[in-house]
Protein backbone atom coordinates (compact mmCIF):
# COMPACT_ATOMS: atom_id res chain seq x y z
CA MET A 1 -7.00 78.93 42.34
CA LYS A 2 -5.32 81.18 40.02
CA HIS A 3 -7.42 84.08 38.71
CA VAL A 4 -7.86 84.69 35.03
CA ILE A 5 -6.77 88.18 33.70
CA ARG A 6 -7.91 89.08 30.25
CA TRP A 7 -5.55 91.42 28.25
CA SER A 8 -6.99 93.88 25.56
CA THR A 9 -5.07 94.73 22.50
CA GLY A 10 -3.87 98.03 24.13
CA VAL A 11 -2.62 96.18 27.22
CA LEU A 12 -0.85 93.66 25.11
CA ALA A 13 0.92 96.36 23.05
CA ALA A 14 1.84 98.40 26.23
CA GLY A 15 3.36 95.24 27.71
CA MET A 16 5.56 94.71 24.67
CA VAL A 17 6.74 98.24 24.66
CA ALA A 18 7.51 98.03 28.37
CA ALA A 19 9.53 94.75 27.59
CA GLY A 20 11.65 96.68 25.20
CA CYS A 21 10.10 95.39 21.93
CA SER A 22 11.19 97.52 19.01
CA THR A 23 8.80 96.37 16.46
CA ALA A 24 4.91 95.87 16.96
CA PRO A 25 3.58 92.63 15.66
CA PRO A 26 1.34 92.55 12.59
CA ALA A 27 -2.27 93.43 13.20
CA GLY A 28 -3.38 89.97 12.04
CA ASN A 29 -1.19 88.37 14.71
CA VAL A 30 -2.50 90.53 17.38
CA ALA A 31 -6.09 89.82 16.46
CA ALA A 32 -5.28 86.15 16.37
CA ALA A 33 -3.54 86.20 19.75
CA ASN A 34 -6.32 88.24 21.46
CA THR A 35 -8.95 85.93 20.08
CA ALA A 36 -7.30 82.84 21.34
CA ILE A 37 -6.42 84.22 24.80
CA GLY A 38 -10.00 85.58 25.12
CA ASN A 39 -11.70 82.30 24.19
CA ALA A 40 -9.52 80.57 26.62
CA GLY A 41 -10.32 83.13 29.43
CA GLN A 42 -14.00 82.79 28.73
CA ALA A 43 -13.90 78.98 28.90
CA ILE A 44 -12.02 79.02 32.20
CA ASP A 45 -14.51 81.57 33.66
CA GLN A 46 -17.39 79.39 32.75
CA ALA A 47 -15.73 76.35 34.29
CA ALA A 48 -14.95 78.24 37.37
CA ALA A 49 -18.54 79.24 37.68
CA ASP A 50 -19.71 75.52 37.62
CA PRO A 51 -19.92 74.26 41.31
CA HIS A 52 -19.30 70.77 40.19
CA VAL A 53 -15.84 71.69 38.87
CA ALA A 54 -14.58 73.00 42.18
CA LYS A 55 -15.65 69.76 43.79
CA TYR A 56 -14.67 67.09 41.12
CA ALA A 57 -12.14 68.69 38.76
CA ASN A 58 -10.37 71.49 40.38
CA SER A 59 -6.91 70.30 39.36
CA GLU A 60 -7.92 70.17 35.70
CA LEU A 61 -9.10 73.77 36.04
CA GLU A 62 -5.73 74.76 37.54
CA ARG A 63 -3.92 73.21 34.64
CA ALA A 64 -6.07 75.30 32.27
CA THR A 65 -5.21 78.36 34.12
CA ASP A 66 -1.46 77.58 33.99
CA SER A 67 -1.87 77.16 30.11
CA LEU A 68 -3.56 80.46 29.80
CA GLY A 69 -0.59 82.03 31.75
CA LYS A 70 1.86 80.36 29.33
CA ALA A 71 -0.02 81.65 26.46
CA LYS A 72 0.14 85.35 27.63
CA ALA A 73 3.84 84.90 28.36
CA ALA A 74 4.34 83.61 24.91
CA TRP A 75 2.56 86.50 23.37
CA SER A 76 4.69 88.86 25.17
CA LYS A 77 7.52 87.63 23.13
CA HIS A 78 5.55 87.78 19.77
CA ASP A 79 5.44 84.00 19.61
CA LEU A 80 2.01 83.59 17.97
CA ALA A 81 2.44 79.76 17.44
CA ALA A 82 3.19 79.17 21.16
CA THR A 83 0.49 81.53 22.16
CA THR A 84 -2.28 79.98 20.19
CA HIS A 85 -1.13 76.54 21.23
CA GLN A 86 -1.19 77.28 24.94
CA ALA A 87 -4.42 79.08 24.63
CA TYR A 88 -5.99 76.27 22.88
CA MET A 89 -4.73 73.86 25.69
CA ALA A 90 -6.37 76.30 28.26
CA GLN A 91 -9.62 76.22 26.51
CA HIS A 92 -9.46 72.48 26.07
CA ARG A 93 -8.55 71.81 29.75
CA ALA A 94 -11.32 74.16 30.91
CA ALA A 95 -14.01 72.24 28.77
CA LEU A 96 -12.54 68.91 30.00
CA ALA A 97 -12.81 70.16 33.64
CA GLN A 98 -16.49 70.68 33.09
CA GLU A 99 -17.01 67.44 31.35
CA LEU A 100 -15.09 65.40 33.98
CA ALA A 101 -17.07 67.34 36.74
CA ASN A 102 -20.42 66.54 35.29
CA GLU A 103 -19.64 62.83 34.74
CA ARG A 104 -18.27 62.41 38.29
CA ALA A 105 -21.37 64.35 39.71
CA ALA A 106 -23.75 62.02 37.77
CA HIS A 107 -21.87 58.93 38.85
CA ASP A 108 -22.12 60.04 42.45
CA ALA A 109 -25.86 60.85 42.22
CA ILE A 110 -26.32 57.29 40.69
CA ALA A 111 -24.48 55.77 43.48
CA VAL A 112 -26.38 57.66 45.99
CA ALA A 113 -29.62 56.63 44.47
CA ALA A 114 -28.62 53.04 44.40
CA THR A 115 -27.55 53.14 48.01
CA ASN A 116 -30.86 54.81 49.07
CA ARG A 117 -32.75 52.17 47.01
CA ASP A 118 -30.90 49.20 48.50
CA HIS A 119 -31.43 50.70 52.04
CA ALA A 120 -35.09 51.19 51.31
CA VAL A 121 -35.43 47.56 49.99
CA ALA A 122 -33.52 46.19 52.85
CA MET A 123 -35.72 48.16 55.38
CA ALA A 124 -38.93 46.91 53.61
CA MET A 125 -37.63 43.30 53.68
CA ALA A 126 -36.69 43.49 57.31
CA GLU A 127 -40.15 45.02 58.19
CA ARG A 128 -41.79 42.33 56.17
CA HIS A 129 -39.99 39.45 57.63
CA ALA A 130 -39.17 40.71 61.08
CA GLN A 131 -42.11 39.32 63.00
CA PRO A 132 -42.40 35.88 61.44
CA THR A 133 -38.71 35.30 62.01
CA VAL A 134 -38.82 36.44 65.72
CA ALA A 135 -39.80 33.91 68.30
CA ILE A 136 -43.10 35.29 69.70
CA PRO A 137 -44.52 33.54 72.78
CA GLY A 138 -47.68 31.73 71.99
CA GLN A 139 -47.25 32.20 68.10
CA MET A 140 -47.93 29.04 66.03
CA GLN A 141 -47.04 28.27 62.43
CA GLU A 142 -48.10 25.24 60.45
CA ALA A 143 -46.87 24.51 56.75
CA LEU A 144 -49.17 22.53 54.47
CA PRO A 145 -47.05 21.48 51.46
CA GLY A 146 -47.69 19.07 48.54
CA PHE A 147 -50.24 21.01 46.46
CA ALA A 148 -50.31 19.41 43.02
CA PHE A 149 -48.95 21.45 40.17
CA GLY A 150 -50.95 24.18 39.01
CA THR A 151 -53.91 23.49 41.23
CA ALA A 152 -55.38 24.85 44.50
CA LYS A 153 -57.00 21.55 45.67
CA LEU A 154 -56.18 20.90 49.27
CA PRO A 155 -53.77 17.77 49.59
CA ALA A 156 -55.31 14.81 51.30
CA LYS A 157 -52.39 14.57 53.70
CA ALA A 158 -53.11 18.15 54.88
CA LYS A 159 -56.55 17.27 56.28
CA PRO A 160 -55.25 16.15 59.72
CA ALA A 161 -53.24 19.30 60.17
CA ILE A 162 -56.35 21.28 59.16
CA ALA A 163 -58.41 19.50 61.77
CA ALA A 164 -55.78 20.16 64.51
CA LEU A 165 -55.54 23.82 63.61
CA ALA A 166 -59.31 24.20 63.51
CA SER A 167 -59.46 22.63 67.05
CA THR A 168 -56.75 24.89 68.23
CA LEU A 169 -58.64 28.00 66.83
CA LYS A 170 -61.96 26.95 68.35
CA GLU A 171 -60.34 26.56 71.76
CA ASN A 172 -58.90 30.07 71.45
CA PRO A 173 -61.71 32.21 70.12
CA GLY A 174 -59.58 35.37 70.45
CA ARG A 175 -56.72 34.19 68.27
CA PRO A 176 -56.72 35.57 64.64
CA VAL A 177 -55.22 33.48 61.85
CA VAL A 178 -53.20 34.40 58.71
CA ILE A 179 -53.11 31.99 55.73
CA GLU A 180 -50.32 32.52 53.23
CA GLY A 181 -50.43 30.80 49.83
CA HIS A 182 -47.04 29.88 47.98
CA THR A 183 -45.98 28.33 44.57
CA ASP A 184 -42.97 27.10 42.93
CA SER A 185 -41.09 28.96 40.30
CA VAL A 186 -42.79 27.52 37.31
CA GLY A 187 -44.90 30.02 35.38
CA SER A 188 -45.32 33.81 35.41
CA PRO A 189 -45.21 35.81 38.67
CA GLU A 190 -48.79 36.89 37.93
CA TYR A 191 -50.08 33.48 37.47
CA ASN A 192 -48.30 32.27 40.53
CA HIS A 193 -49.70 35.16 42.54
CA ALA A 194 -53.26 34.33 41.66
CA LEU A 195 -52.61 30.58 42.34
CA ALA A 196 -51.12 31.21 45.64
CA MET A 197 -54.29 33.27 46.61
CA LYS A 198 -56.41 30.34 45.57
CA ARG A 199 -54.48 27.99 47.76
CA ALA A 200 -54.81 30.31 50.75
CA GLU A 201 -58.60 30.38 50.11
CA ALA A 202 -58.80 26.53 49.69
CA VAL A 203 -57.24 26.39 53.37
CA ARG A 204 -59.63 29.19 54.64
CA ALA A 205 -62.57 27.09 53.24
CA ALA A 206 -61.45 23.97 55.08
CA LEU A 207 -61.12 25.71 58.29
CA VAL A 208 -64.56 27.42 57.88
CA ARG A 209 -66.07 24.01 57.17
CA SER A 210 -64.46 22.93 60.47
CA GLY A 211 -66.16 25.70 62.55
CA VAL A 212 -63.64 28.45 62.37
CA GLU A 213 -65.27 31.88 61.95
CA SER A 214 -64.13 33.38 58.52
CA SER A 215 -63.97 36.83 60.15
CA ARG A 216 -60.86 35.77 61.94
CA ILE A 217 -59.03 34.72 58.79
CA THR A 218 -56.80 36.96 56.79
CA LEU A 219 -55.34 35.76 53.40
CA ARG A 220 -51.95 36.54 51.77
CA ALA A 221 -50.67 35.54 48.45
CA GLU A 222 -46.75 35.24 48.50
CA GLY A 223 -46.49 33.49 44.96
CA GLU A 224 -43.06 32.33 44.37
CA HIS A 225 -41.21 34.84 46.44
CA ASN A 226 -40.48 32.85 49.68
CA PRO A 227 -39.42 29.28 48.72
CA VAL A 228 -38.39 26.93 51.50
CA ALA A 229 -36.51 24.55 49.20
CA SER A 230 -34.88 24.63 45.88
CA ASN A 231 -36.82 25.05 42.91
CA ASP A 232 -34.38 23.17 40.84
CA THR A 233 -35.60 19.73 42.00
CA LYS A 234 -39.04 18.07 41.71
CA ALA A 235 -39.07 17.50 45.47
CA GLY A 236 -38.07 21.13 46.26
CA ARG A 237 -40.88 22.34 43.93
CA SER A 238 -43.47 20.01 45.49
CA GLU A 239 -42.33 21.51 48.99
CA ASN A 240 -42.71 25.11 47.86
CA ARG A 241 -46.29 24.47 46.53
CA ARG A 242 -47.67 25.08 49.93
CA ALA A 243 -49.83 27.10 52.34
CA GLU A 244 -48.73 28.33 55.65
CA VAL A 245 -51.09 28.97 58.57
CA ILE A 246 -49.85 31.52 61.19
CA ILE A 247 -51.56 32.00 64.42
CA PRO A 248 -50.15 35.15 66.13
CA SER A 249 -49.85 35.44 69.90
CA MET A 250 -52.50 37.09 71.84
CA GLU A 251 -50.07 39.86 72.84
CA ALA A 252 -48.96 40.52 69.11
CA GLY A 253 -52.51 40.38 67.52
CA THR A 254 -52.67 40.35 63.81
CA THR A 255 -49.64 42.62 63.53
CA ALA A 256 -47.38 39.71 64.47
CA VAL A 257 -47.22 38.48 60.97
CA GLY A 258 -46.14 41.84 59.63
CA SER A 259 -46.95 43.25 56.26
CA SER A 260 -46.76 41.69 52.83
CA GLU A 261 -46.41 42.50 49.09
CA GLY A 262 -48.94 39.87 48.43
CA SER A 263 -52.63 40.59 48.09
CA THR A 264 -54.99 40.09 50.94
CA SER A 265 -58.52 38.68 50.59
CA ALA A 266 -61.75 39.52 52.41
CA THR A 267 -63.72 36.63 54.02
CA SER A 268 -67.11 37.41 52.53
CA SER A 269 -69.10 35.03 50.37
CA GLY A 270 -68.60 37.36 47.44
CA GLY A 271 -64.86 36.61 47.66
CA GLN A 272 -65.69 32.85 47.52
CA ASN A 273 -67.77 33.44 44.44
CA GLU A 274 -64.93 35.41 42.87
CA GLN A 275 -62.68 32.59 43.46
CA LYS A 276 -64.91 30.06 41.80
CA GLY A 277 -65.07 32.52 38.80
CA GLU A 278 -61.39 32.74 38.67
CA GLN A 279 -60.91 28.93 38.81
CA ARG A 280 -63.43 28.39 36.05
CA GLY A 281 -61.56 31.09 33.90
CA ASP A 282 -58.11 29.62 34.64
CA GLN A 283 -59.06 25.89 34.39
CA GLN A 284 -57.55 25.49 30.92
CA ASN A 285 -54.43 27.32 31.82
CA ASP A 286 -53.92 25.25 34.94
CA GLN A 287 -54.40 22.12 33.10
CA ARG A 288 -51.84 22.96 30.46
CA GLY A 289 -49.49 24.05 33.15
CA ASP A 290 -49.98 20.86 35.02
CA LYS A 291 -49.18 18.76 31.93
CA GLN A 292 -46.16 20.79 31.14
CA GLY A 293 -44.78 20.62 34.68
CA ASP A 294 -45.38 16.80 34.81
CA ARG A 295 -43.56 16.34 31.51
CA GLN A 296 -40.66 18.40 32.74
CA ASP A 297 -40.32 16.49 36.03
CA GLN A 298 -40.73 13.23 34.23
CA GLN A 299 -37.74 14.09 31.85
CA GLN A 300 -35.60 15.22 34.75
CA ASP A 301 -36.29 11.97 36.55
CA GLU A 302 -35.46 9.96 33.44
CA GLN A 303 -32.27 11.75 32.68
CA GLY A 304 -31.00 11.91 36.28
CA VAL A 305 -30.44 15.65 36.13
CA ASP A 306 -32.26 18.67 37.38
CA ASP A 307 -33.10 21.37 34.72
CA ARG A 308 -33.79 24.89 35.90
CA HIS A 309 -37.27 25.97 35.27
CA ARG A 310 -37.60 29.34 33.89
CA GLU A 311 -40.55 31.74 33.78
């Protein structure tokens, strides 16, 4: 990159004499030229000291330096108008170089942050879903769909599956079990998270009544995050209102189901009492949500179209 050379008044005058100038310019013109050239030189020095400029706007800084050279050349000919114009262009381009460099650096920083964020999310999702999606010898998974809208009451059609699961667990006393609660997309994420946990607790209670030790059971609330069908249809929402029972293989142990963003629940009687308190506290909200969902589903069936349910 070209170097900036500042000229003092004496240097300028000496240059003019050497160039054969017979008449010195007016003192006012000399002061104006020196000020313009000096300001441009300071702006270029400041831009050159910015590490972002060298990386992102070096060409603009070179143009600023060229303009400064033209300003000095114009002043050697006593052309004040051309001198001040070129000095202004040099100062303007130096400032523009810094502005462009900072904008491009900020843009790159945002892009890097977004890439890192996306990578972290992808890694977290891969870790979360890696084990359930991999075929592990001996692992079992049973879905229990069909929960009524807004409730955690176990569907009657799930009872045979519960009995079979309880039998399998009692025949394999060393096998843990993970129960995930799920909902459709109607309602807020917070409400659906709590409702999903209640559905998981209802399945646990049924297994405990069938003779499965509660200490073997871990609960997770997935809410609306992992649908197995479209939430745009009544049938799809019914399928998403479910609980999933996962029995990891003996080799994998409880880690076979991976980690979850959903909350886990202990298996103590205190947790069951807490569930009852939450059910009493949320009963009116559940009933209102149930009526709302039924009305929406009925309207969709009558019109023959599926309206998207929003939170």
